[in-house]
Amino acid sequence: MPSDLVPTIRTNGSGTDTTFLVSAFNQSFVDSLEWSFWVKLSFNPSTGNFARIYICSNSENLENPLNGYYIALGYNGNDRITLVKQDGTLHTPLLVGSVADLNKSTNILRIKVKRYDDGTWKIYSDETGNTNYSLEGQIMDNSFTSSNYLGIFNQYTSSNATNFYFDEFYAGPVVIDTIKPSIISAKVINSFDLAITYSEAMNNSIFDHNNYLADHGLGNPTSVTEDPNNSNIVHLSWMPNPILDDTIYSLAISNVTDIAGNLLDTSIIFALHFPKAYDVLINEIMADPDPPVALPPYEYIELYNPNPFPINLENWKIKISTTTRIIGNVNISPNGFLILCNQNATQDFENLPQHCQTYGFSSFSISNSGADITLYSPDDNVISFAAFKDTWYQDPLKSQGGYSVEMIDPSNPCAGDNNWRASNSFYGGTPGQINSIYGTNPDNIRPEILRAIIQNSNTLLILFTEPLDSVTALNVNNYTFDPLLSISQIKGNEPFYDKITIIFNELIDSNTIYTVYFNDSITDCVGNQLPMQSSARFAFGKIPEPYDIVINEILHDPIGNNTPFVELYNRSSKILDLKYCILANVDSIYNLDNKKSIAPAGFPIFPGEYIVLSKDKKEVLAQYYTPNPKNFIDMSLPNITKDSNTIVLALTNDTIIDMVKYYLTYHDPLLLSTDGVSLERVNPNRPSNESSNWHSAASSVGYATPAYKNSQYSDDLYTDEITIEPAYFSPDNDGFQDLLDICFNFKNPGYHVSITIFNLVGQPVRHILSQEYVGTQACYSWDGKDDDNKRCDFGWYIVYVSAFNTSADKIEFKKAISLNIRK
């Protein structure tokens, strides 16, 4: 491509027509001559759309009969580069190329033609538009031995009238080649053969097997042959001596020259390696380069090879969303990087100071909002994946454009947004370099089972907390069932494998609760095992009836822009399925409005179980404690406003299961703010819209109890009770009665509690609570120290507990206890 990316010559027609451009070229063919040019055709050549590049002509009118030669791109609909002789009106193809294929919607080429003084013609091409030429073929013809003109002739239909581009023409003496050849790639074909691609046409020295010597006892190849499709590629074979698996070989190459005699003495490394997961990693993603910071304004994906040997990516595939692209013959160096991008961007990335290695596609795009990106080996095995989302930036400014997202720790490739962040580079990204945020970020967390969900009469879906190793996840021996079920088929949601589908030989009984037990040999992608004795229950869930499930807690005033949540509680004795349910508001005449599905794929809720519905469970878990992090469903919520609203749990046919109209006034009036404070249902068996059945969650639990028993829960059988035990305690850290426990159980919610320790002369020595807003049940401890954190003297003390609520209920309790110090 021209260095400024803007071709000098472009057609500018408007309808079906022919055009030509001609220049004087008075030249005798006594000496050897050379022609070269760059061309782009943004169409697939045909009989109605083609180009002729006249390298010599005796006439300046290229539409009239003439004598000369031209390079045809689309000769009679042919998809090969063709050298044609024109004798008056007779057009005779002399040479049909064997390398470049023009059967593409966009063709970018650089073509070189050499005519030697003996009449030999050689045609070379590079399908990337660069100068790594391959020989298309050669032929001898001396029909015409002089020239007066050269030029371009184009024929086009209206749709392609502006789709011809040309630049960087050269015509004159043969350019003397002083540049040494190089090795573009070395690809292990099988256990005996290695293919080497040279950067340019070479002489016959490349076929001398003595010019190649491999270490580890492999020695000289037994044969060296030319690739039938590309003369720049040679095949080295060590048959019958095998190339050993995963052995890094060094191959010395000596005494080989290009056709100009430039010598190549070098060595390369190669290895026979069968691709496996994470051999090559998706390491950096630039989805939104606009506005650019200081990088070329193109989208790209960076691949990283963490191995000590090169890996050839020919016929590997990169899938972005639903579009799959095939990678050509390119090596990614040991511990090296490869930039995948649009072919128009390759030169810009290669010109960066780090001289990125690139591979370009005719089209290349990544959605700004996110895309599933997967790298496959030639046999379609998943090598690397990234479920990229725009939330991965974790920086609202950088997510607006110009910055890439980078992986932090390549040894933790499946952690998703836990291992990706926006680039910290001043340039906006680090293509072809170690990531700016590179660091240690290991995954030490075991995978766990989220839930097992019946899909139909013989199919079970198992959800896990993170992506799994596909080999262990798909091993049928890692699953057993009680009562017994036998596995007919098992499959995963490639490429993530955090969802496993099991199909049974038998039908699942509709009245049985099953348990699946997991072997702890199941691991995540970095080898963390499932906890021992992991299991999950599953059964057919029934359709809920009114008040089987109730709305049990509502966070309607979250902190900042965090997600609200609604907690459901199964108060029935039945296993129910939330796939039958929706969450909604009501309109002015109490018709259901703004309806949202909860779990269309199914989600069983067992008796006595709590389930939290939110937009993003990670936000909830980051702010509040829960002992049941698996009992969350991410979904789109109906309107949940701060002051008041109505939330309805209903069936998909609009049958109401429970309905709650909440008010801000339900909160404890003594609270300074309701930000981040949920409303808890006091008793799931009392009416849903009884104002006294709702209260603010206690400060002692962090102001919310998602997915577990409410802090303000009260059974009608409760009575006010305060216990202080033991009567004698000894805080000497011997493990026996080191703490004094002060516990209370209130019948009604909303108490503010103070706990003070007095000595026998009535002086307060320790304030444990001071008007703390608590739940209906709680315990606090005294460690025998005063407010200055000093140990109190042994002897008798008075524990004084006072509690009041906004209903004017007041409770006071005193008890004498003995603090002893053991000798």
Foldseek 3Di string as FASTA:
>chain_A
DPPVLDFPDWFDDAFFDKDKDKDWDWWFQQAKKKKKWKKKFQAQAAPQWWKWWWLFWADRDPVFFTFGWTWICQVNNAQFTWIWTGHGNDIHTDATFQAGGRRDSMWIKMKMWMAGNQQKIWIWMDRLNDPLTFTRDIDGDPPDGTHTMIIMMIGHGNVRRGRIGIHDIDIGHDDQDPDFKDWFDWADPDFWKIKTAISYAWDPVQFPQQQKAKDPPLGTFPGWAADPRTRRMIMGGSPPDTFDAPDKMKMWGFDTGHPSRRTDTDIAIAHHYDADALQKEFFKWAAFQPPAQAAPSWTKTKIFGQAQAKDWQAQKWKAWAHDIDGFHGGIAGHRWMEIETASSCQVRCCPPPLRHHYTHDPDDHHHLQFTWIFIAGNVGDTHAIARGGLCLQVDVVLSVHNAMKGFAESLARFPHSQGIHTAPDSRRFDHTDDTNNHDDDDDPDWKAWLAWEDQDFFKIKTAIPWFWDQVQLQDQVFKAKVVGWAFDGKDADPPRRRMIMTGTPDTADQPDKMKMWGDQCTGHPSRRTYPHRHMHIYHDADADDALQKEFFKWLLAAADPAKIKIKIARQHQGWHKQLQKWKFFADPVGQTDPIWRFCVSIDIDHHGWMAMEIQDLVSVVVQFDEPRSSRYTHTDHYRRHQAWGKMFMAGPVRHTRYIAIDGNVLEAPVDPDCHRAMKGQQESVDHRHDSQRIYTQFVVRNRDHHTDDTLAHADQPDDWDKDWDDLEAELPPPPGRQKIKIKIAHRGAAKFKWKFKAAPVGHTFATQGDRGRGYRIDMDIDRQHGPVRHHDDWAKIKIWMWMAGPVGDIDIDIDIGTYDHDD
